[in-house]
Amino acid sequence: MSEIKVEKPAKEKLKSLDVENWPVWECEPSAFDWEYDSNEDCYILEGSVTVKTVGGDVSFGKGDFVSFPRGLKCRWVVAEKVRKHYKLG
């Protein structure tokens, strides 16, 4: 299983993926367990998150483009309210 990928995307990439038209998800500071039943790409609009996995912790925030693989089991720790555009599949 591949790991979580985090990158700082160029504006051209965001435009080519039509990210601004993806749905938006928000979450207040909290912690919860999650399992991905499909691949997910997301672009972080605001906030700060650490995702804990058996392979280690991955932190990301505003301006990051994050990809999660299907089957990943993890714990989300939302330090600052997060808003993200997301796409499943």
PDB file of N, CA and C in Angstrom:
ATOM      1  N   MET A   1       0.851  -1.190   0.000  1.00  0.00           N
ATOM      2  CA  MET A   1       0.000   0.000   0.000  1.00  0.00           C
ATOM      3  C   MET A   1       0.888   1.242   0.000  1.00  0.00           C
ATOM      4  N   SER A   2       0.588   2.186  -0.858  1.00  0.00           N
ATOM      5  CA  SER A   2       1.391   3.411  -0.907  1.00  0.00           C
ATOM      6  C   SER A   2       1.051   4.292   0.286  1.00  0.00           C
ATOM      7  N   GLU A   3       1.924   5.210   0.560  1.00  0.00           N
ATOM      8  CA  GLU A   3       1.760   6.099   1.700  1.00  0.00           C
ATOM      9  C   GLU A   3       1.028   7.381   1.312  1.00  0.00           C
ATOM     10  N   ILE A   4       0.775   8.194   2.315  1.00  0.00           N
ATOM     11  CA  ILE A   4       0.178   9.513   2.113  1.00  0.00           C
ATOM     12  C   ILE A   4       1.201  10.374   1.368  1.00  0.00           C
ATOM     13  N   LYS A   5       0.739  11.097   0.354  1.00  0.00           N
ATOM     14  CA  LYS A   5       1.620  11.992  -0.406  1.00  0.00           C
ATOM     15  C   LYS A   5       1.190  13.429  -0.159  1.00  0.00           C
ATOM     16  N   VAL A   6       2.157  14.298   0.155  1.00  0.00           N
ATOM     17  CA  VAL A   6       1.892  15.714   0.403  1.00  0.00           C
ATOM     18  C   VAL A   6       2.778  16.526  -0.528  1.00  0.00           C
ATOM     19  N   GLU A   7       2.175  17.497  -1.214  1.00  0.00           N
ATOM     20  CA  GLU A   7       2.968  18.372  -2.090  1.00  0.00           C
ATOM     21  C   GLU A   7       2.407  19.780  -2.059  1.00  0.00           C
ATOM     22  N   LYS A   8       3.237  20.738  -2.468  1.00  0.00           N
ATOM     23  CA  LYS A   8       2.817  22.133  -2.642  1.00  0.00           C
ATOM     24  C   LYS A   8       2.586  22.298  -4.143  1.00  0.00           C
ATOM     25  N   PRO A   9       1.324  22.250  -4.577  1.00  0.00           N
ATOM     26  CA  PRO A   9       1.052  22.253  -6.021  1.00  0.00           C
ATOM     27  C   PRO A   9       1.175  23.632  -6.656  1.00  0.00           C
ATOM     28  N   ALA A  10       1.518  23.632  -7.936  1.00  0.00           N
ATOM     29  CA  ALA A  10       1.491  24.865  -8.719  1.00  0.00           C
ATOM     30  C   ALA A  10       0.034  25.208  -9.010  1.00  0.00           C
ATOM     31  N   LYS A  11      -0.242  26.492  -9.175  1.00  0.00           N
ATOM     32  CA  LYS A  11      -1.612  26.930  -9.486  1.00  0.00           C
ATOM     33  C   LYS A  11      -2.133  26.255 -10.745  1.00  0.00           C
ATOM     34  N   GLU A  12      -1.244  25.993 -11.699  1.00  0.00           N
ATOM     35  CA  GLU A  12      -1.648  25.346 -12.951  1.00  0.00           C
ATOM     36  C   GLU A  12      -2.201  23.946 -12.693  1.00  0.00           C
ATOM     37  N   LYS A  13      -1.581  23.208 -11.756  1.00  0.00           N
ATOM     38  CA  LYS A  13      -2.058  21.867 -11.439  1.00  0.00           C
ATOM     39  C   LYS A  13      -3.458  21.930 -10.829  1.00  0.00           C
ATOM     40  N   LEU A  14      -3.654  22.857  -9.899  1.00  0.00           N
ATOM     41  CA  LEU A  14      -4.969  22.996  -9.261  1.00  0.00           C
ATOM     42  C   LEU A  14      -6.034  23.334 -10.299  1.00  0.00           C
ATOM     43  N   LYS A  15      -5.676  24.215 -11.235  1.00  0.00           N
ATOM     44  CA  LYS A  15      -6.624  24.608 -12.274  1.00  0.00           C
ATOM     45  C   LYS A  15      -6.929  23.428 -13.198  1.00  0.00           C
ATOM     46  N   SER A  16      -5.902  22.674 -13.579  1.00  0.00           N
ATOM     47  CA  SER A  16      -6.110  21.552 -14.505  1.00  0.00           C
ATOM     48  C   SER A  16      -6.963  20.456 -13.868  1.00  0.00           C
ATOM     49  N   LEU A  17      -6.896  20.314 -12.541  1.00  0.00           N
ATOM     50  CA  LEU A  17      -7.705  19.319 -11.832  1.00  0.00           C
ATOM     51  C   LEU A  17      -9.097  19.852 -11.472  1.00  0.00           C
ATOM     52  N   ASP A  18      -9.327  21.163 -11.719  1.00  0.00           N
ATOM     53  CA  ASP A  18     -10.613  21.806 -11.411  1.00  0.00           C
ATOM     54  C   ASP A  18     -10.928  21.723  -9.909  1.00  0.00           C
ATOM     55  N   VAL A  19      -9.887  21.868  -9.090  1.00  0.00           N
ATOM     56  CA  VAL A  19     -10.010  21.704  -7.639  1.00  0.00           C
ATOM     57  C   VAL A  19     -11.050  22.646  -7.033  1.00  0.00           C
ATOM     58  N   GLU A  20     -11.141  23.878  -7.539  1.00  0.00           N
ATOM     59  CA  GLU A  20     -12.069  24.831  -6.911  1.00  0.00           C
ATOM     60  C   GLU A  20     -13.529  24.407  -7.044  1.00  0.00           C
ATOM     61  N   ASN A  21     -13.824  23.454  -7.922  1.00  0.00           N
ATOM     62  CA  ASN A  21     -15.193  22.952  -8.064  1.00  0.00           C
ATOM     63  C   ASN A  21     -15.432  21.641  -7.317  1.00  0.00           C
ATOM     64  N   TRP A  22     -14.422  21.133  -6.605  1.00  0.00           N
ATOM     65  CA  TRP A  22     -14.604  19.951  -5.775  1.00  0.00           C
ATOM     66  C   TRP A  22     -15.414  20.337  -4.538  1.00  0.00           C
ATOM     67  N   PRO A  23     -16.101  19.375  -3.905  1.00  0.00           N
ATOM     68  CA  PRO A  23     -16.830  19.680  -2.662  1.00  0.00           C
ATOM     69  C   PRO A  23     -15.870  20.142  -1.567  1.00  0.00           C
ATOM     70  N   VAL A  24     -16.435  20.820  -0.560  1.00  0.00           N
ATOM     71  CA  VAL A  24     -15.651  21.295   0.582  1.00  0.00           C
ATOM     72  C   VAL A  24     -16.069  20.528   1.831  1.00  0.00           C
ATOM     73  N   TRP A  25     -15.090  20.139   2.623  1.00  0.00           N
ATOM     74  CA  TRP A  25     -15.317  19.474   3.914  1.00  0.00           C
ATOM     75  C   TRP A  25     -14.651  20.312   4.981  1.00  0.00           C
ATOM     76  N   GLU A  26     -15.311  20.453   6.128  1.00  0.00           N
ATOM     77  CA  GLU A  26     -14.767  21.209   7.255  1.00  0.00           C
ATOM     78  C   GLU A  26     -14.827  20.360   8.517  1.00  0.00           C
ATOM     79  N   CYS A  27     -13.882  20.620   9.429  1.00  0.00           N
ATOM     80  CA  CYS A  27     -13.869  19.901  10.699  1.00  0.00           C
ATOM     81  C   CYS A  27     -13.225  20.794  11.765  1.00  0.00           C
ATOM     82  N   GLU A  28     -13.905  20.900  12.893  1.00  0.00           N
ATOM     83  CA  GLU A  28     -13.365  21.639  14.038  1.00  0.00           C
ATOM     84  C   GLU A  28     -12.238  20.815  14.680  1.00  0.00           C
ATOM     85  N   PRO A  29     -11.409  21.441  15.523  1.00  0.00           N
ATOM     86  CA  PRO A  29     -10.367  20.684  16.213  1.00  0.00           C
ATOM     87  C   PRO A  29     -10.943  19.458  16.917  1.00  0.00           C
ATOM     88  N   SER A  30     -10.341  18.312  16.659  1.00  0.00           N
ATOM     89  CA  SER A  30     -10.830  17.038  17.187  1.00  0.00           C
ATOM     90  C   SER A  30      -9.844  15.942  16.821  1.00  0.00           C
ATOM     91  N   ALA A  31     -10.148  14.724  17.239  1.00  0.00           N
ATOM     92  CA  ALA A  31      -9.355  13.554  16.856  1.00  0.00           C
ATOM     93  C   ALA A  31     -10.323  12.405  16.610  1.00  0.00           C
ATOM     94  N   PHE A  32     -10.076  11.654  15.527  1.00  0.00           N
ATOM     95  CA  PHE A  32     -10.965  10.539  15.195  1.00  0.00           C
ATOM     96  C   PHE A  32     -10.233   9.526  14.320  1.00  0.00           C
ATOM     97  N   ASP A  33     -10.685   8.275  14.393  1.00  0.00           N
ATOM     98  CA  ASP A  33     -10.136   7.202  13.564  1.00  0.00           C
ATOM     99  C   ASP A  33     -10.837   7.224  12.206  1.00  0.00           C
ATOM    100  N   TRP A  34     -10.098   6.856  11.144  1.00  0.00           N
ATOM    101  CA  TRP A  34     -10.654   6.878   9.793  1.00  0.00           C
ATOM    102  C   TRP A  34     -10.026   5.764   8.962  1.00  0.00           C
ATOM    103  N   GLU A  35     -10.837   5.203   8.072  1.00  0.00           N
ATOM    104  CA  GLU A  35     -10.332   4.236   7.100  1.00  0.00           C
ATOM    105  C   GLU A  35     -10.840   4.657   5.723  1.00  0.00           C
ATOM    106  N   TYR A  36      -9.935   4.732   4.758  1.00  0.00           N
ATOM    107  CA  TYR A  36     -10.285   5.174   3.400  1.00  0.00           C
ATOM    108  C   TYR A  36     -10.788   3.998   2.580  1.00  0.00           C
ATOM    109  N   ASP A  37     -12.057   4.073   2.119  1.00  0.00           N
ATOM    110  CA  ASP A  37     -12.603   3.005   1.283  1.00  0.00           C
ATOM    111  C   ASP A  37     -12.420   3.301  -0.198  1.00  0.00           C
ATOM    112  N   SER A  38     -11.821   4.451  -0.510  1.00  0.00           N
ATOM    113  CA  SER A  38     -11.410   4.778  -1.882  1.00  0.00           C
ATOM    114  C   SER A  38     -10.236   5.745  -1.782  1.00  0.00           C
ATOM    115  N   ASN A  39      -9.536   5.937  -2.900  1.00  0.00           N
ATOM    116  CA  ASN A  39      -8.475   6.945  -2.916  1.00  0.00           C
ATOM    117  C   ASN A  39      -9.105   8.313  -2.710  1.00  0.00           C
ATOM    118  N   GLU A  40      -8.363   9.218  -2.084  1.00  0.00           N
ATOM    119  CA  GLU A  40      -8.839  10.593  -1.926  1.00  0.00           C
ATOM    120  C   GLU A  40      -7.701  11.559  -2.205  1.00  0.00           C
ATOM    121  N   ASP A  41      -7.997  12.589  -3.000  1.00  0.00           N
ATOM    122  CA  ASP A  41      -7.104  13.733  -3.181  1.00  0.00           C
ATOM    123  C   ASP A  41      -7.789  14.917  -2.531  1.00  0.00           C
ATOM    124  N   CYS A  42      -7.009  15.765  -1.865  1.00  0.00           N
ATOM    125  CA  CYS A  42      -7.603  16.964  -1.279  1.00  0.00           C
ATOM    126  C   CYS A  42      -6.611  18.116  -1.299  1.00  0.00           C
ATOM    127  N   TYR A  43      -7.178  19.313  -1.292  1.00  0.00           N
ATOM    128  CA  TYR A  43      -6.382  20.544  -1.246  1.00  0.00           C
ATOM    129  C   TYR A  43      -6.806  21.301   0.005  1.00  0.00           C
ATOM    130  N   ILE A  44      -5.850  21.573   0.887  1.00  0.00           N
ATOM    131  CA  ILE A  44      -6.144  22.189   2.177  1.00  0.00           C
ATOM    132  C   ILE A  44      -6.258  23.706   2.027  1.00  0.00           C
ATOM    133  N   LEU A  45      -7.442  24.224   2.348  1.00  0.00           N
ATOM    134  CA  LEU A  45      -7.704  25.659   2.262  1.00  0.00           C
ATOM    135  C   LEU A  45      -7.291  26.384   3.534  1.00  0.00           C
ATOM    136  N   GLU A  46      -7.464  25.720   4.666  1.00  0.00           N
ATOM    137  CA  GLU A  46      -7.045  26.298   5.948  1.00  0.00           C
ATOM    138  C   GLU A  46      -6.947  25.189   6.977  1.00  0.00           C
ATOM    139  N   GLY A  47      -6.190  25.454   8.039  1.00  0.00           N
ATOM    140  CA  GLY A  47      -6.105  24.511   9.143  1.00  0.00           C
ATOM    141  C   GLY A  47      -4.777  23.801   9.248  1.00  0.00           C
ATOM    142  N   SER A  48      -4.726  22.912  10.232  1.00  0.00           N
ATOM    143  CA  SER A  48      -3.514  22.150  10.527  1.00  0.00           C
ATOM    144  C   SER A  48      -3.929  20.768  11.029  1.00  0.00           C
ATOM    145  N   VAL A  49      -3.371  19.727  10.405  1.00  0.00           N
ATOM    146  CA  VAL A  49      -3.755  18.347  10.694  1.00  0.00           C
ATOM    147  C   VAL A  49      -2.515  17.466  10.789  1.00  0.00           C
ATOM    148  N   THR A  50      -2.555  16.497  11.679  1.00  0.00           N
ATOM    149  CA  THR A  50      -1.582  15.413  11.696  1.00  0.00           C
ATOM    150  C   THR A  50      -2.370  14.119  11.553  1.00  0.00           C
ATOM    151  N   VAL A  51      -1.963  13.295  10.592  1.00  0.00           N
ATOM    152  CA  VAL A  51      -2.579  11.985  10.393  1.00  0.00           C
ATOM    153  C   VAL A  51      -1.579  10.946  10.888  1.00  0.00           C
ATOM    154  N   LYS A  52      -2.034  10.143  11.847  1.00  0.00           N
ATOM    155  CA  LYS A  52      -1.166   9.122  12.461  1.00  0.00           C
ATOM    156  C   LYS A  52      -1.464   7.769  11.817  1.00  0.00           C
ATOM    157  N   THR A  53      -0.407   7.110  11.317  1.00  0.00           N
ATOM    158  CA  THR A  53      -0.533   5.786  10.714  1.00  0.00           C
ATOM    159  C   THR A  53       0.508   4.863  11.346  1.00  0.00           C
ATOM    160  N   VAL A  54       0.389   3.568  11.074  1.00  0.00           N
ATOM    161  CA  VAL A  54       1.382   2.623  11.595  1.00  0.00           C
ATOM    162  C   VAL A  54       2.767   2.927  11.022  1.00  0.00           C
ATOM    163  N   GLY A  55       2.807   3.562   9.854  1.00  0.00           N
ATOM    164  CA  GLY A  55       4.078   3.911   9.224  1.00  0.00           C
ATOM    165  C   GLY A  55       4.669   5.224   9.701  1.00  0.00           C
ATOM    166  N   GLY A  56       3.948   5.953  10.559  1.00  0.00           N
ATOM    167  CA  GLY A  56       4.433   7.233  11.056  1.00  0.00           C
ATOM    168  C   GLY A  56       3.385   8.323  10.926  1.00  0.00           C
ATOM    169  N   ASP A  57       3.727   9.498  11.412  1.00  0.00           N
ATOM    170  CA  ASP A  57       2.816  10.639  11.388  1.00  0.00           C
ATOM    171  C   ASP A  57       3.115  11.521  10.180  1.00  0.00           C
ATOM    172  N   VAL A  58       2.044  12.070   9.587  1.00  0.00           N
ATOM    173  CA  VAL A  58       2.175  12.993   8.456  1.00  0.00           C
ATOM    174  C   VAL A  58       1.377  14.253   8.803  1.00  0.00           C
ATOM    175  N   SER A  59       2.049  15.403   8.769  1.00  0.00           N
ATOM    176  CA  SER A  59       1.386  16.673   9.068  1.00  0.00           C
ATOM    177  C   SER A  59       1.270  17.510   7.807  1.00  0.00           C
ATOM    178  N   PHE A  60       0.168  18.268   7.721  1.00  0.00           N
ATOM    179  CA  PHE A  60      -0.050  19.141   6.568  1.00  0.00           C
ATOM    180  C   PHE A  60      -0.976  20.277   6.955  1.00  0.00           C
ATOM    181  N   GLY A  61      -1.047  21.278   6.071  1.00  0.00           N
ATOM    182  CA  GLY A  61      -1.874  22.452   6.353  1.00  0.00           C
ATOM    183  C   GLY A  61      -2.154  23.244   5.099  1.00  0.00           C
ATOM    184  N   LYS A  62      -2.529  24.495   5.301  1.00  0.00           N
ATOM    185  CA  LYS A  62      -2.948  25.377   4.215  1.00  0.00           C
ATOM    186  C   LYS A  62      -1.966  25.345   3.048  1.00  0.00           C
ATOM    187  N   GLY A  63      -2.521  25.147   1.838  1.00  0.00           N
ATOM    188  CA  GLY A  63      -1.718  25.160   0.626  1.00  0.00           C
ATOM    189  C   GLY A  63      -1.169  23.801   0.216  1.00  0.00           C
ATOM    190  N   ASP A  64      -1.410  22.773   1.031  1.00  0.00           N
ATOM    191  CA  ASP A  64      -0.911  21.441   0.695  1.00  0.00           C
ATOM    192  C   ASP A  64      -1.944  20.663  -0.112  1.00  0.00           C
ATOM    193  N   PHE A  65      -1.454  19.858  -1.066  1.00  0.00           N
ATOM    194  CA  PHE A  65      -2.264  18.914  -1.833  1.00  0.00           C
ATOM    195  C   PHE A  65      -1.893  17.538  -1.298  1.00  0.00           C
ATOM    196  N   VAL A  66      -2.894  16.811  -0.796  1.00  0.00           N
ATOM    197  CA  VAL A  66      -2.636  15.556  -0.096  1.00  0.00           C
ATOM    198  C   VAL A  66      -3.390  14.413  -0.776  1.00  0.00           C
ATOM    199  N   SER A  67      -2.715  13.288  -0.948  1.00  0.00           N
ATOM    200  CA  SER A  67      -3.335  12.094  -1.538  1.00  0.00           C
ATOM    201  C   SER A  67      -3.277  10.953  -0.528  1.00  0.00           C
ATOM    202  N   PHE A  68      -4.446  10.327  -0.310  1.00  0.00           N
ATOM    203  CA  PHE A  68      -4.571   9.197   0.606  1.00  0.00           C
ATOM    204  C   PHE A  68      -4.925   7.955  -0.196  1.00  0.00           C
ATOM    205  N   PRO A  69      -4.251   6.824   0.071  1.00  0.00           N
ATOM    206  CA  PRO A  69      -4.558   5.585  -0.662  1.00  0.00           C
ATOM    207  C   PRO A  69      -5.753   4.843  -0.070  1.00  0.00           C
ATOM    208  N   ARG A  70      -6.481   4.166  -0.929  1.00  0.00           N
ATOM    209  CA  ARG A  70      -7.582   3.302  -0.490  1.00  0.00           C
ATOM    210  C   ARG A  70      -7.034   2.254   0.469  1.00  0.00           C
ATOM    211  N   GLY A  71      -7.777   1.983   1.531  1.00  0.00           N
ATOM    212  CA  GLY A  71      -7.370   0.974   2.500  1.00  0.00           C
ATOM    213  C   GLY A  71      -6.576   1.513   3.675  1.00  0.00           C
ATOM    214  N   LEU A  72      -6.172   2.786   3.620  1.00  0.00           N
ATOM    215  CA  LEU A  72      -5.391   3.369   4.711  1.00  0.00           C
ATOM    216  C   LEU A  72      -6.237   3.468   5.974  1.00  0.00           C
ATOM    217  N   LYS A  73      -5.692   2.968   7.076  1.00  0.00           N
ATOM    218  CA  LYS A  73      -6.313   3.128   8.393  1.00  0.00           C
ATOM    219  C   LYS A  73      -5.453   4.120   9.160  1.00  0.00           C
ATOM    220  N   CYS A  74      -6.105   5.131   9.750  1.00  0.00           N
ATOM    221  CA  CYS A  74      -5.329   6.183  10.389  1.00  0.00           C
ATOM    222  C   CYS A  74      -6.150   6.877  11.471  1.00  0.00           C
ATOM    223  N   ARG A  75      -5.502   7.786  12.151  1.00  0.00           N
ATOM    224  CA  ARG A  75      -6.157   8.648  13.135  1.00  0.00           C
ATOM    225  C   ARG A  75      -5.875  10.080  12.748  1.00  0.00           C
ATOM    226  N   TRP A  76      -6.946  10.837  12.518  1.00  0.00           N
ATOM    227  CA  TRP A  76      -6.838  12.267  12.219  1.00  0.00           C
ATOM    228  C   TRP A  76      -6.792  13.043  13.529  1.00  0.00           C
ATOM    229  N   VAL A  77      -5.822  13.948  13.647  1.00  0.00           N
ATOM    230  CA  VAL A  77      -5.745  14.870  14.781  1.00  0.00           C
ATOM    231  C   VAL A  77      -5.773  16.281  14.186  1.00  0.00           C
ATOM    232  N   VAL A  78      -6.930  16.927  14.322  1.00  0.00           N
ATOM    233  CA  VAL A  78      -7.134  18.264  13.754  1.00  0.00           C
ATOM    234  C   VAL A  78      -6.760  19.284  14.825  1.00  0.00           C
ATOM    235  N   ALA A  79      -5.623  19.980  14.624  1.00  0.00           N
ATOM    236  CA  ALA A  79      -5.134  20.951  15.599  1.00  0.00           C
ATOM    237  C   ALA A  79      -5.829  22.305  15.431  1.00  0.00           C
ATOM    238  N   GLU A  80      -6.041  22.711  14.171  1.00  0.00           N
ATOM    239  CA  GLU A  80      -6.744  23.958  13.859  1.00  0.00           C
ATOM    240  C   GLU A  80      -7.833  23.617  12.855  1.00  0.00           C
ATOM    241  N   LYS A  81      -8.997  24.255  12.992  1.00  0.00           N
ATOM    242  CA  LYS A  81     -10.123  23.971  12.101  1.00  0.00           C
ATOM    243  C   LYS A  81      -9.643  23.809  10.660  1.00  0.00           C
ATOM    244  N   VAL A  82     -10.045  22.720  10.037  1.00  0.00           N
ATOM    245  CA  VAL A  82      -9.607  22.436   8.675  1.00  0.00           C
ATOM    246  C   VAL A  82     -10.770  22.612   7.689  1.00  0.00           C
ATOM    247  N   ARG A  83     -10.436  23.189   6.526  1.00  0.00           N
ATOM    248  CA  ARG A  83     -11.343  23.264   5.379  1.00  0.00           C
ATOM    249  C   ARG A  83     -10.541  22.744   4.200  1.00  0.00           C
ATOM    250  N   LYS A  84     -11.173  21.836   3.426  1.00  0.00           N
ATOM    251  CA  LYS A  84     -10.468  21.284   2.282  1.00  0.00           C
ATOM    252  C   LYS A  84     -11.430  21.017   1.141  1.00  0.00           C
ATOM    253  N   HIS A  85     -10.898  21.134  -0.079  1.00  0.00           N
ATOM    254  CA  HIS A  85     -11.581  20.604  -1.252  1.00  0.00           C
ATOM    255  C   HIS A  85     -11.165  19.143  -1.346  1.00  0.00           C
ATOM    256  N   TYR A  86     -12.070  18.254  -1.745  1.00  0.00           N
ATOM    257  CA  TYR A  86     -11.712  16.842  -1.819  1.00  0.00           C
ATOM    258  C   TYR A  86     -12.368  16.170  -3.016  1.00  0.00           C
ATOM    259  N   LYS A  87     -11.726  15.089  -3.463  1.00  0.00           N
ATOM    260  CA  LYS A  87     -12.240  14.274  -4.558  1.00  0.00           C
ATOM    261  C   LYS A  87     -11.953  12.815  -4.235  1.00  0.00           C
ATOM    262  N   LEU A  88     -12.989  11.989  -4.272  1.00  0.00           N
ATOM    263  CA  LEU A  88     -12.850  10.562  -3.986  1.00  0.00           C
ATOM    264  C   LEU A  88     -12.762   9.768  -5.273  1.00  0.00           C
ATOM    265  N   GLY A  89     -12.054   8.632  -5.225  1.00  0.00           N
ATOM    266  CA  GLY A  89     -12.004   7.745  -6.384  1.00  0.00           C
ATOM    267  C   GLY A  89     -10.713   7.785  -7.122  1.00  0.00           C
TER     268      GLY A  89
END
